[in-house]
Amino acid sequence: MAVDLERDLVPDGLWEIAAPLIPPFKPRRQGGGTAPVADRKVFCAIVYALTTSCAWHRLPPCFGVSPATAHRRFAAWTRAGLWRRLHNEVLDRLGAAGSIDWSAALVNPASVRAKRGTSS
């Protein structure tokens, strides 16, 4: 894969935040298979698939990650809560740096718990 594409999709600063949050690789129970693919390569492939709406089976080979591996790690990382933790960490860092303009923020009603038994 072209290094420029990797750095464009996942700049070093983002990778420095994401890398420690990624769960350690666990070999498949049945054994065998190929050597594990580096987390950054998989992360880049996942970011590509998510930001371009690319179907997993159409993932370009330039990433050096099979579609099955990318999807399997995406699912595992999702179950482990990686995306929520990454989002929170990025927000915490931006907030600490004073880089968030909360006056322009919107609350997604899907992420806010509704109160029961209240009337307007």
Protein backbone atom coordinates (compact mmCIF):
# COMPACT_ATOMS: atom_id res chain seq x y z
CA MET A 1 0.00 0.00 0.00
CA ALA A 2 1.20 3.46 -0.73
CA VAL A 3 2.47 5.07 2.46
CA ASP A 4 0.71 8.32 1.51
CA LEU A 5 -2.70 6.61 1.53
CA GLU A 6 -1.99 5.08 4.93
CA ARG A 7 -0.87 8.43 6.39
CA ASP A 8 -3.83 10.25 4.79
CA LEU A 9 -6.35 7.81 6.26
CA VAL A 10 -4.68 7.44 9.64
CA PRO A 11 -2.23 10.23 10.42
CA ASP A 12 0.47 9.46 13.00
CA GLY A 13 -1.33 11.56 15.64
CA LEU A 14 -4.51 9.50 15.30
CA TRP A 15 -2.55 6.25 15.34
CA GLU A 16 -0.78 7.31 18.55
CA ILE A 17 -4.20 7.67 20.18
CA ALA A 18 -5.72 4.51 18.69
CA ALA A 19 -2.84 2.04 19.06
CA PRO A 20 -2.94 1.67 22.85
CA LEU A 21 -6.72 1.22 22.76
CA ILE A 22 -6.67 -1.71 20.32
CA PRO A 23 -7.19 -5.06 22.05
CA PRO A 24 -4.28 -7.48 21.72
CA PHE A 25 -4.48 -9.94 18.84
CA LYS A 26 -5.79 -13.36 19.80
CA PRO A 27 -4.96 -16.24 17.46
CA ARG A 28 -7.91 -18.23 16.21
CA ARG A 29 -8.74 -21.27 18.35
CA GLN A 30 -8.37 -23.76 15.52
CA GLY A 31 -4.79 -22.63 14.92
CA GLY A 32 -3.13 -22.55 11.54
CA GLY A 33 -3.74 -19.69 9.17
CA THR A 34 -1.27 -17.00 8.26
CA ALA A 35 0.79 -14.68 10.41
CA PRO A 36 -1.26 -11.87 11.97
CA VAL A 37 -1.50 -8.64 10.00
CA ALA A 38 -0.20 -5.49 11.71
CA ASP A 39 -2.91 -3.61 13.59
CA ARG A 40 -2.18 -0.34 11.77
CA LYS A 41 -2.71 -1.96 8.37
CA VAL A 42 -6.01 -3.43 9.53
CA PHE A 43 -7.04 -0.14 11.16
CA CYS A 44 -6.32 1.72 7.90
CA ALA A 45 -8.31 -0.80 5.88
CA ILE A 46 -11.25 -0.46 8.29
CA VAL A 47 -11.10 3.34 8.18
CA TYR A 48 -11.09 3.14 4.38
CA ALA A 49 -14.09 0.80 4.31
CA LEU A 50 -16.06 2.93 6.77
CA THR A 51 -15.27 6.33 5.27
CA THR A 52 -15.90 5.29 1.67
CA SER A 53 -18.86 2.95 2.32
CA CYS A 54 -16.85 0.24 0.59
CA ALA A 55 -18.26 -3.26 0.99
CA TRP A 56 -15.85 -5.50 2.90
CA HIS A 57 -15.53 -7.91 -0.03
CA ARG A 58 -14.47 -5.01 -2.29
CA LEU A 59 -11.64 -3.84 -0.05
CA PRO A 60 -8.71 -2.98 -2.35
CA PRO A 61 -5.73 -5.35 -2.10
CA CYS A 62 -3.34 -2.39 -1.70
CA PHE A 63 -3.98 -2.49 2.06
CA GLY A 64 -2.40 -5.92 2.40
CA VAL A 65 -5.39 -7.08 4.45
CA SER A 66 -7.93 -9.62 3.34
CA PRO A 67 -11.57 -8.54 3.49
CA ALA A 68 -12.25 -11.38 5.94
CA THR A 69 -9.46 -10.24 8.27
CA ALA A 70 -10.60 -6.61 8.14
CA HIS A 71 -14.20 -7.56 8.89
CA ARG A 72 -13.26 -10.05 11.61
CA ARG A 73 -11.07 -7.47 13.42
CA PHE A 74 -13.71 -4.76 12.96
CA ALA A 75 -16.26 -7.02 14.64
CA ALA A 76 -13.85 -7.99 17.45
CA TRP A 77 -12.80 -4.38 18.06
CA THR A 78 -16.44 -3.31 18.05
CA ARG A 79 -17.33 -5.94 20.66
CA ALA A 80 -14.35 -4.73 22.74
CA GLY A 81 -15.66 -1.14 22.64
CA LEU A 82 -12.72 0.30 20.69
CA TRP A 83 -14.71 2.84 18.68
CA ARG A 84 -16.46 4.38 21.71
CA ARG A 85 -13.18 4.55 23.66
CA LEU A 86 -11.38 6.09 20.68
CA HIS A 87 -14.13 8.67 20.23
CA ASN A 88 -14.02 9.60 23.92
CA GLU A 89 -10.22 9.83 23.93
CA VAL A 90 -10.19 12.13 20.90
CA LEU A 91 -12.87 14.33 22.48
CA ASP A 92 -10.97 14.43 25.79
CA ARG A 93 -7.77 15.51 24.05
CA LEU A 94 -9.50 18.12 21.93
CA GLY A 95 -11.37 19.42 24.97
CA ALA A 96 -8.18 19.63 27.05
CA ALA A 97 -6.54 21.60 24.23
CA GLY A 98 -9.53 23.97 24.04
CA SER A 99 -10.17 22.91 20.46
CA ILE A 100 -13.88 22.15 20.72
CA ASP A 101 -16.47 24.85 20.13
CA TRP A 102 -19.33 23.50 22.23
CA SER A 103 -21.61 26.35 21.10
CA ALA A 104 -21.90 24.57 17.77
CA ALA A 105 -22.41 21.08 19.25
CA LEU A 106 -25.51 18.99 18.66
CA VAL A 107 -26.77 16.16 20.82
CA ASN A 108 -27.64 13.01 18.97
CA PRO A 109 -30.95 11.87 20.50
CA ALA A 110 -30.02 8.25 19.79
CA SER A 111 -27.17 8.53 22.32
CA VAL A 112 -29.10 10.26 25.12
CA ARG A 113 -31.27 8.24 27.45
CA ALA A 114 -34.86 9.41 27.58
CA LYS A 115 -36.47 9.97 30.97
CA ARG A 116 -39.51 7.80 31.64
CA GLY A 117 -42.75 9.17 32.94
CA THR A 118 -42.15 12.82 32.11
CA SER A 119 -44.62 14.94 30.27
CA SER A 120 -44.07 18.16 28.42
